[in-house]
Amino acid sequence: MFSFEPHYGWLAIGLVLAAAEMAIPGVFLIWLAGAAMVTGLIVWAVPIGLPLQVVIFAVLAIVSVFVGKRFLAAHPVVSADPLMNDRGGRLVGETVVVASAIDGGSGKVHHGDSEWLAKGPDAEPGTKMRVSGHDGTVLIVEHLH
C-alpha cells in the first residue's frame, strides 16, 4: 500500500515556490520556499502531526519574510545597468545632429538610426549638439562647448 510521507510534501512545496520565484522574481516567494523546506526537514527528523506542521510553517514563513525584508533593506539589490530601460537617459552626454531646425525651443535631432524630439536653443539642421537631459521621450539639448 502507498503511504505518503509529509516531509516530501513540504520539500515539494518548497521546490515549487523556489521555481515560481525564479520564473516570476519578486523576492517574496523564496522566503516561503525556505520556510517550507525547513518545515520538511523538521518533519523528516521529528514525526509530528499536520496541525503542528502548519503552525511551524506559518511561524517560519512570517519570521523568514521579516528577516528577508530587513536583510534587503540593509543590502539593496543594485541593478547592473540602471539605465537599461531608459533610452533617453542613455543618451545624456552623447552628441546628436539637428535633423529639423530647433526653432522656438523645439525641433528634432538625429542619433544613430533614430530621430528624437528635442528641446533646446535654436539651431539649424546639421548642427551638432550635446544631450544634457531628457523629459520623457524629448531630449534636452545644448550647444557643444
Protein backbone atom coordinates (compact mmCIF):
# COMPACT_ATOMS: atom_id res chain seq x y z
CA MET A 1 0.00 0.00 0.00
CA PHE A 2 1.16 3.52 -0.73
CA SER A 3 1.95 5.74 2.23
CA PHE A 4 2.50 9.46 1.95
CA GLU A 5 5.43 10.91 3.86
CA PRO A 6 4.57 14.52 4.82
CA HIS A 7 8.16 15.73 4.68
CA TYR A 8 8.18 15.01 0.93
CA GLY A 9 5.12 17.23 0.57
CA TRP A 10 6.82 20.14 2.36
CA LEU A 11 10.00 19.71 0.34
CA ALA A 12 7.98 19.60 -2.89
CA ILE A 13 6.09 22.76 -1.89
CA GLY A 14 9.45 24.42 -1.17
CA LEU A 15 10.80 23.45 -4.58
CA VAL A 16 7.65 24.65 -6.37
CA LEU A 17 7.80 28.00 -4.55
CA ALA A 18 11.52 28.36 -5.35
CA ALA A 19 10.82 27.59 -9.02
CA ALA A 20 7.98 30.13 -9.01
CA GLU A 21 10.36 32.75 -7.56
CA MET A 22 12.79 32.09 -10.40
CA ALA A 23 10.03 32.25 -13.03
CA ILE A 24 8.40 35.38 -11.57
CA PRO A 25 11.05 37.12 -9.45
CA GLY A 26 9.63 39.26 -6.70
CA VAL A 27 11.90 38.43 -3.74
CA PHE A 28 8.98 37.11 -1.73
CA LEU A 29 8.25 33.50 -2.62
CA ILE A 30 11.85 32.50 -1.89
CA TRP A 31 11.28 33.13 1.82
CA LEU A 32 8.18 30.93 1.80
CA ALA A 33 10.13 28.28 -0.12
CA GLY A 34 12.79 28.30 2.58
CA ALA A 35 10.15 28.03 5.31
CA ALA A 36 8.54 25.05 3.54
CA MET A 37 11.89 23.31 3.10
CA VAL A 38 12.90 23.83 6.74
CA THR A 39 9.46 22.54 7.77
CA GLY A 40 10.07 19.48 5.60
CA LEU A 41 13.43 18.85 7.25
CA ILE A 42 11.94 19.23 10.74
CA VAL A 43 9.08 16.83 9.89
CA TRP A 44 11.59 14.37 8.44
CA ALA A 45 13.60 14.41 11.70
CA VAL A 46 10.68 14.56 14.16
CA PRO A 47 7.33 12.85 13.45
CA ILE A 48 4.68 15.46 14.24
CA GLY A 49 1.05 15.90 13.26
CA LEU A 50 -0.20 18.03 10.39
CA PRO A 51 -1.67 20.86 12.56
CA LEU A 52 1.70 21.42 14.24
CA GLN A 53 3.43 21.22 10.85
CA VAL A 54 1.21 24.03 9.54
CA VAL A 55 1.94 26.12 12.65
CA ILE A 56 5.69 25.56 12.21
CA PHE A 57 5.45 26.56 8.54
CA ALA A 58 3.42 29.69 9.37
CA VAL A 59 5.86 30.81 12.07
CA LEU A 60 8.89 30.13 9.83
CA ALA A 61 7.23 31.93 6.92
CA ILE A 62 6.49 35.05 8.98
CA VAL A 63 9.97 35.08 10.52
CA SER A 64 11.72 34.50 7.19
CA VAL A 65 9.75 37.25 5.42
CA PHE A 66 10.59 39.79 8.15
CA VAL A 67 14.25 38.72 8.28
CA GLY A 68 14.43 38.81 4.48
CA LYS A 69 12.83 42.26 4.36
CA ARG A 70 15.36 43.60 6.90
CA PHE A 71 18.23 41.97 5.02
CA LEU A 72 17.17 43.51 1.71
CA ALA A 73 16.74 46.91 3.35
CA ALA A 74 20.31 46.73 4.64
CA HIS A 75 21.70 45.20 1.42
CA PRO A 76 19.61 46.52 -1.51
CA VAL A 77 19.86 44.83 -4.88
CA VAL A 78 21.67 47.21 -7.23
CA SER A 79 20.96 46.97 -10.93
CA ALA A 80 23.95 46.18 -13.13
CA ASP A 81 22.55 48.64 -15.70
CA PRO A 82 20.22 51.20 -14.12
CA LEU A 83 19.56 52.89 -17.49
CA MET A 84 18.58 49.64 -19.23
CA ASN A 85 15.01 50.73 -19.91
CA ASP A 86 15.71 54.46 -20.06
CA ARG A 87 16.66 55.19 -23.68
CA GLY A 88 16.66 58.94 -23.15
CA GLY A 89 18.86 58.60 -20.07
CA ARG A 90 21.36 56.54 -22.03
CA LEU A 91 21.80 59.42 -24.47
CA VAL A 92 22.76 62.05 -21.86
CA GLY A 93 26.23 63.31 -22.79
CA GLU A 94 26.00 61.99 -26.36
CA THR A 95 26.40 64.17 -29.45
CA VAL A 96 23.37 64.45 -31.74
CA VAL A 97 22.79 66.19 -35.06
CA VAL A 98 19.84 68.52 -35.58
CA ALA A 99 17.54 66.87 -38.13
CA SER A 100 14.87 69.56 -38.38
CA ALA A 101 15.55 73.07 -37.13
CA ILE A 102 15.15 73.73 -33.45
CA ASP A 103 13.00 76.84 -33.62
CA GLY A 104 11.25 78.39 -30.64
CA GLY A 105 12.79 75.80 -28.34
CA SER A 106 11.70 72.60 -30.09
CA GLY A 107 12.73 70.52 -33.08
CA LYS A 108 14.17 67.13 -33.96
CA VAL A 109 17.61 65.61 -33.60
CA HIS A 110 19.21 62.51 -35.06
CA HIS A 111 21.26 59.95 -33.13
CA GLY A 112 22.32 56.64 -34.67
CA ASP A 113 19.33 55.39 -36.63
CA SER A 114 16.76 57.22 -34.51
CA GLU A 115 15.17 60.62 -34.67
CA TRP A 116 14.10 62.27 -31.42
CA LEU A 117 12.01 65.26 -30.47
CA ALA A 118 14.27 67.83 -28.84
CA LYS A 119 14.09 70.98 -26.71
CA GLY A 120 16.87 73.49 -26.60
CA PRO A 121 18.32 76.66 -28.09
CA ASP A 122 17.56 77.47 -31.71
CA ALA A 123 19.78 75.59 -34.17
CA GLU A 124 19.85 74.88 -37.90
CA PRO A 125 19.73 71.37 -39.41
CA GLY A 126 23.15 69.72 -39.40
CA THR A 127 24.26 71.45 -36.16
CA LYS A 128 25.95 69.13 -33.68
CA MET A 129 24.59 69.41 -30.13
CA ARG A 130 25.03 67.57 -26.84
CA VAL A 131 22.21 65.86 -24.94
CA SER A 132 22.07 67.36 -21.43
CA GLY A 133 18.94 65.56 -20.21
CA HIS A 134 15.54 64.29 -21.21
CA ASP A 135 11.90 64.84 -20.40
CA GLY A 136 10.24 61.51 -21.14
CA THR A 137 10.94 60.91 -24.83
CA VAL A 138 12.02 64.50 -25.56
CA LEU A 139 15.76 65.10 -25.44
CA ILE A 140 17.04 68.32 -23.90
CA VAL A 141 19.99 69.54 -25.95
CA GLU A 142 22.61 72.27 -25.70
CA HIS A 143 25.31 73.65 -27.98
CA LEU A 144 28.67 71.89 -27.86
CA HIS A 145 31.21 73.79 -25.80
